[in-house]
Amino acid sequence: MTSPDVTVVIPVFNKARDLRVCLDSVLQQSLSTIEVICIDDASTDGSAAILEAYAQRDNRIRVLRNATTLGPGPTRNTGIDAATGRFLQFTDADDWLPHGALEALHMRIVSDDVDLVRGNVATFSAERPEVELRSSVKDVARIPPLDCAELWVPWWHQCYLISRPFLVREGIRYPAMIAGEDPVFVASALVRAEHASTMSQIVYHYRLEPFAQKGRVSFAHFRSYFDHAVLVKNIFLRHKAECWTRGYGPLAVQDVSDYLSQCQASAEQRQEALLAIERLSSDPTLA
């Protein structure tokens, strides 16, 4: 049996409300030579039944299940390990792919012969269902990733198509964090990739939701999100300091501060966090 061109990895935890739209958008892609690995992270809302029904109708879907809830990072790693496609794309179970997205990404990564390619993302929400461009990268072919300032903010991992042999060879995985695992993953890939390409086409539709609605407002969630900034800082400073000092650093400090303002924390915890954010901002050495 011929290996698929692309493996789409979808972690699923209690996303029954939106899961069908997500799966339909992936299965109806113009690139049909795909496999779709869905990992049920011990859902309790009927997501497992939806996955099973789709798998019975389309043999490109493989369903794996975690015995207990592990979180999105380790769950995606399960998908990486199980994948057989040459390239990997990561979709969240409450988002969806515009038609032609995988084909466009696949054509670019093959024609440019790069380790990864990134497209643009559009966002939507319950209040504003129309999609709006959220980030903007231009059409740039085959460039060292750290020479591309547009990639210095390691967000929107869902907009990347990445070589699976590259990830395996470099041992790149998502960290086991409850918030912020994806920028660490992207930064790790960017500093190890020899060449990357970017494309202006919108390749992903991302659902915007408040932290409270996602259930990510504890101080533990803040600590994890703060830790992600420290990890990315360390990664970038070891390879190209400018990626932090003139790229992700100022944005990360502001984003971590905004996160703190939305989290539940005691006065002592807030004071501790503010001091840590100040050190993150001012200390030019490894955190």
Protein backbone atom coordinates (compact mmCIF):
# COMPACT_ATOMS: atom_id res chain seq x y z
CA MET A 1 0.00 0.00 0.00
CA THR A 2 1.33 3.44 -0.98
CA SER A 3 2.06 5.77 1.93
CA PRO A 4 -0.11 8.90 2.12
CA ASP A 5 1.36 12.23 1.15
CA VAL A 6 0.05 14.01 4.27
CA THR A 7 -0.99 12.87 7.73
CA VAL A 8 -3.42 15.19 9.50
CA VAL A 9 -3.19 14.78 13.29
CA ILE A 10 -6.30 15.79 15.25
CA PRO A 11 -6.33 15.63 19.07
CA VAL A 12 -9.90 15.40 20.34
CA PHE A 13 -11.11 16.20 23.83
CA ASN A 14 -14.83 16.87 24.31
CA LYS A 15 -15.34 18.55 20.94
CA ALA A 16 -18.54 16.79 19.86
CA ARG A 17 -20.25 20.11 19.08
CA ASP A 18 -17.77 21.09 16.36
CA LEU A 19 -16.09 17.82 15.44
CA ARG A 20 -18.18 16.97 12.37
CA VAL A 21 -17.44 20.30 10.69
CA CYS A 22 -13.74 19.80 11.34
CA LEU A 23 -13.67 16.25 9.98
CA ASP A 24 -15.73 17.15 6.91
CA SER A 25 -13.34 19.98 6.06
CA VAL A 26 -10.36 17.61 6.23
CA LEU A 27 -11.94 14.71 4.34
CA GLN A 28 -13.22 16.99 1.57
CA GLN A 29 -9.78 18.45 0.83
CA SER A 30 -8.73 18.47 -2.82
CA LEU A 31 -5.64 16.49 -1.80
CA SER A 32 -7.11 13.05 -1.28
CA THR A 33 -3.89 11.13 -0.62
CA ILE A 34 -4.06 11.74 3.12
CA GLU A 35 -4.50 9.85 6.33
CA VAL A 36 -6.30 11.39 9.28
CA ILE A 37 -5.20 10.27 12.73
CA CYS A 38 -7.69 11.28 15.41
CA ILE A 39 -6.65 10.72 19.00
CA ASP A 40 -9.51 10.75 21.51
CA ASP A 41 -8.03 12.17 24.72
CA ALA A 42 -10.51 10.30 26.97
CA SER A 43 -13.51 12.43 25.95
CA THR A 44 -16.76 12.13 27.87
CA ASP A 45 -19.15 14.04 25.58
CA GLY A 46 -19.79 11.69 22.66
CA SER A 47 -16.74 12.63 20.61
CA ALA A 48 -15.61 8.99 20.54
CA ALA A 49 -18.86 7.86 18.90
CA ILE A 50 -18.55 10.54 16.22
CA LEU A 51 -14.98 9.48 15.46
CA GLU A 52 -15.97 5.84 15.21
CA ALA A 53 -18.83 6.63 12.83
CA TYR A 54 -16.56 8.64 10.54
CA ALA A 55 -13.86 5.94 10.61
CA GLN A 56 -16.41 3.36 9.48
CA ARG A 57 -17.34 5.52 6.49
CA ASP A 58 -13.85 6.59 5.40
CA ASN A 59 -10.84 4.29 5.65
CA ARG A 60 -8.44 7.25 5.62
CA ILE A 61 -9.38 7.88 9.27
CA ARG A 62 -7.57 6.07 12.06
CA VAL A 63 -8.87 6.50 15.60
CA LEU A 64 -6.59 6.10 18.61
CA ARG A 65 -7.62 6.53 22.23
CA ASN A 66 -5.86 7.65 25.39
CA ALA A 67 -6.86 5.69 28.50
CA THR A 68 -6.69 8.93 30.49
CA THR A 69 -6.60 12.59 29.50
CA LEU A 70 -3.02 13.51 28.61
CA GLY A 71 -3.47 16.97 27.11
CA PRO A 72 -2.88 18.23 23.57
CA GLY A 73 0.92 18.02 23.52
CA PRO A 74 1.38 14.33 24.38
CA THR A 75 -1.72 13.51 22.34
CA ARG A 76 -0.24 15.10 19.23
CA ASN A 77 2.99 13.22 19.89
CA THR A 78 0.99 9.99 19.73
CA GLY A 79 -0.18 11.09 16.30
CA ILE A 80 3.39 11.87 15.18
CA ASP A 81 4.52 8.41 16.25
CA ALA A 82 1.61 6.69 14.49
CA ALA A 83 1.78 8.71 11.27
CA THR A 84 2.87 7.17 7.96
CA GLY A 85 2.56 10.25 5.74
CA ARG A 86 5.61 12.04 4.39
CA PHE A 87 4.36 15.34 5.81
CA LEU A 88 2.38 16.28 8.93
CA GLN A 89 -0.29 18.89 9.59
CA PHE A 90 -1.95 19.51 12.97
CA THR A 91 -5.63 20.46 13.09
CA ASP A 92 -7.62 21.25 16.24
CA ALA A 93 -10.97 19.50 16.53
CA ASP A 94 -13.03 22.71 16.75
CA ASP A 95 -11.42 24.41 13.73
CA TRP A 96 -11.60 23.69 10.01
CA LEU A 97 -9.53 23.73 6.84
CA PRO A 98 -10.46 25.80 3.79
CA HIS A 99 -10.80 23.75 0.62
CA GLY A 100 -7.48 23.28 -1.16
CA ALA A 101 -5.34 24.11 1.88
CA LEU A 102 -3.50 20.79 2.10
CA GLU A 103 -2.92 20.62 -1.64
CA ALA A 104 -1.43 24.12 -1.69
CA LEU A 105 0.86 23.38 1.27
CA HIS A 106 1.88 20.05 -0.21
CA MET A 107 2.69 21.50 -3.62
CA ARG A 108 4.86 24.20 -2.06
CA ILE A 109 6.82 21.95 0.30
CA VAL A 110 7.56 19.47 -2.49
CA SER A 111 8.43 22.04 -5.16
CA ASP A 112 10.67 24.05 -2.80
CA ASP A 113 12.21 20.94 -1.19
CA VAL A 114 12.09 22.39 2.33
CA ASP A 115 11.59 20.98 5.83
CA LEU A 116 8.48 23.05 6.50
CA VAL A 117 6.13 25.53 4.89
CA ARG A 118 3.77 27.99 6.56
CA GLY A 119 0.59 29.61 5.26
CA ASN A 120 -1.78 32.17 6.72
CA VAL A 121 -4.58 31.80 9.25
CA ALA A 122 -8.03 33.36 9.44
CA THR A 123 -10.04 33.47 12.65
CA PHE A 124 -13.73 33.26 13.45
CA SER A 125 -15.90 33.13 16.56
CA ALA A 126 -19.49 32.55 17.63
CA GLU A 127 -20.02 36.31 17.67
CA ARG A 128 -18.23 36.89 14.33
CA PRO A 129 -18.61 33.75 12.20
CA GLU A 130 -17.09 35.36 9.10
CA VAL A 131 -13.38 34.60 8.77
CA GLU A 132 -10.84 37.40 9.12
CA LEU A 133 -7.14 37.29 8.26
CA ARG A 134 -5.26 37.03 11.55
CA SER A 135 -1.62 36.92 10.55
CA SER A 136 0.17 37.72 7.35
CA VAL A 137 3.14 35.97 5.82
CA LYS A 138 4.17 36.62 2.23
CA ASP A 139 5.19 34.27 -0.54
CA VAL A 140 8.85 33.51 0.17
CA ALA A 141 10.61 30.42 -1.16
CA ARG A 142 13.36 28.36 0.43
CA ILE A 143 14.90 30.58 3.09
CA PRO A 144 16.69 29.69 6.34
CA PRO A 145 13.82 30.04 8.85
CA LEU A 146 15.72 32.25 11.28
CA ASP A 147 16.43 34.70 8.45
CA CYS A 148 12.69 35.23 7.97
CA ALA A 149 11.43 37.77 10.54
CA GLU A 150 7.83 36.77 9.82
CA LEU A 151 8.57 33.44 11.50
CA TRP A 152 10.08 34.87 14.67
CA VAL A 153 6.66 34.69 16.35
CA PRO A 154 6.25 30.89 16.63
CA TRP A 155 2.44 30.84 16.65
CA TRP A 156 -0.14 29.11 14.45
CA HIS A 157 1.44 25.68 14.33
CA GLN A 158 -1.72 24.57 12.52
CA CYS A 159 -0.63 26.63 9.48
CA TYR A 160 2.52 24.58 8.99
CA LEU A 161 3.10 21.50 6.90
CA ILE A 162 6.21 19.77 8.24
CA SER A 163 8.38 16.94 7.00
CA ARG A 164 7.83 13.89 9.20
CA PRO A 165 11.36 12.50 8.58
CA PHE A 166 12.71 15.89 9.69
CA LEU A 167 10.74 15.77 12.97
CA VAL A 168 11.79 12.18 13.61
CA ARG A 169 15.44 12.82 12.77
CA GLU A 170 15.62 15.88 15.03
CA GLY A 171 13.55 14.34 17.83
CA ILE A 172 11.12 17.27 17.88
CA ARG A 173 8.02 16.73 20.01
CA TYR A 174 5.40 18.80 21.79
CA PRO A 175 6.23 19.35 25.48
CA ALA A 176 3.78 18.09 28.11
CA MET A 177 2.38 21.49 29.12
CA ILE A 178 -1.18 22.57 29.86
CA ALA A 179 -0.74 25.87 28.00
CA GLY A 180 1.79 27.15 25.46
CA GLU A 181 3.08 23.83 24.15
CA ASP A 182 2.69 24.76 20.48
CA PRO A 183 5.07 27.78 20.30
CA VAL A 184 7.78 25.64 21.92
CA PHE A 185 7.22 22.99 19.25
CA VAL A 186 7.35 25.52 16.41
CA ALA A 187 10.44 27.28 17.78
CA SER A 188 12.21 23.92 18.11
CA ALA A 189 11.42 23.15 14.48
CA LEU A 190 12.44 26.58 13.20
CA VAL A 191 15.91 26.49 14.73
CA ARG A 192 16.60 23.01 13.36
CA ALA A 193 15.16 23.34 9.86
CA GLU A 194 17.62 24.05 7.07
CA HIS A 195 15.11 25.79 4.80
CA ALA A 196 11.47 26.87 4.96
CA SER A 197 8.96 28.56 2.70
CA THR A 198 6.00 30.80 3.43
CA MET A 199 2.86 31.38 1.39
CA SER A 200 0.20 34.07 1.53
CA GLN A 201 -2.75 31.71 1.00
CA ILE A 202 -5.07 31.19 3.98
CA VAL A 203 -4.72 27.54 4.93
CA TYR A 204 -6.47 27.37 8.31
CA HIS A 205 -9.58 28.70 10.05
CA TYR A 206 -9.09 29.09 13.80
CA ARG A 207 -11.87 29.45 16.36
CA LEU A 208 -11.33 32.33 18.79
CA GLU A 209 -12.60 31.68 22.31
CA PRO A 210 -11.94 33.45 25.63
CA PHE A 211 -9.60 31.71 28.05
CA ALA A 212 -12.48 31.32 30.50
CA GLN A 213 -14.54 29.45 27.91
CA LYS A 214 -11.60 27.14 27.29
CA GLY A 215 -11.23 26.51 31.03
CA ARG A 216 -7.69 27.88 31.12
CA VAL A 217 -7.85 30.51 33.84
CA SER A 218 -6.10 28.85 36.77
CA PHE A 219 -2.75 30.07 38.06
CA ALA A 220 -1.33 26.72 36.97
CA HIS A 221 -2.33 27.57 33.41
CA PHE A 222 -0.59 30.92 33.75
CA ARG A 223 2.56 29.27 35.08
CA SER A 224 2.61 26.89 32.13
CA TYR A 225 2.11 29.74 29.69
CA PHE A 226 4.87 31.74 31.36
CA ASP A 227 7.15 28.71 31.19
CA HIS A 228 6.54 28.40 27.46
CA ALA A 229 7.91 31.94 26.99
CA VAL A 230 11.04 31.03 28.97
CA LEU A 231 11.56 27.91 26.87
CA VAL A 232 11.15 29.79 23.58
CA LYS A 233 13.50 32.51 24.85
CA ASN A 234 16.15 29.91 25.63
CA ILE A 235 15.71 28.24 22.24
CA PHE A 236 16.00 31.46 20.26
CA LEU A 237 18.85 32.95 22.27
CA ARG A 238 20.93 29.83 21.73
CA HIS A 239 20.55 30.08 17.96
CA LYS A 240 19.80 33.71 17.02
CA ALA A 241 19.15 36.23 19.77
CA GLU A 242 17.42 38.64 17.39
CA CYS A 243 14.53 36.19 17.05
CA TRP A 244 13.76 36.89 20.70
CA THR A 245 14.93 40.46 21.25
CA ARG A 246 13.35 41.89 18.09
CA GLY A 247 10.80 39.15 17.44
CA TYR A 248 8.91 37.08 19.95
CA GLY A 249 10.26 38.65 23.14
CA PRO A 250 8.24 41.91 23.28
CA LEU A 251 5.08 40.15 22.12
CA ALA A 252 5.53 37.25 24.53
CA VAL A 253 6.01 39.56 27.52
CA GLN A 254 2.82 41.44 26.66
CA ASP A 255 0.91 38.23 25.97
CA VAL A 256 2.00 36.64 29.25
CA SER A 257 0.97 39.83 31.10
CA ASP A 258 -2.43 39.75 29.42
CA TYR A 259 -2.83 36.10 30.37
CA LEU A 260 -2.10 36.91 34.01
CA SER A 261 -4.81 39.58 34.02
CA GLN A 262 -7.40 36.95 33.03
CA CYS A 263 -6.32 34.23 35.46
CA GLN A 264 -7.42 33.46 38.99
CA ALA A 265 -4.56 34.13 41.38
CA SER A 266 -3.93 35.29 44.92
CA ALA A 267 -2.23 38.60 45.64
CA GLU A 268 1.00 36.75 46.47
CA GLN A 269 0.84 34.76 43.26
CA ARG A 270 0.28 37.90 41.21
CA GLN A 271 3.25 39.63 42.80
CA GLU A 272 5.44 36.61 42.15
CA ALA A 273 4.25 36.49 38.56
CA LEU A 274 4.85 40.19 37.93
CA LEU A 275 8.44 39.88 39.14
CA ALA A 276 8.97 36.87 36.89
CA ILE A 277 7.56 38.76 33.90
CA GLU A 278 9.91 41.66 34.65
CA ARG A 279 12.88 39.29 34.62
CA LEU A 280 11.66 37.72 31.39
CA SER A 281 11.54 41.17 29.82
CA SER A 282 14.78 42.64 31.13
CA ASP A 283 17.24 39.78 31.44
CA PRO A 284 19.09 39.37 28.12
CA THR A 285 20.67 36.09 29.22
CA LEU A 286 19.11 32.65 29.26
CA ALA A 287 16.18 32.53 31.69
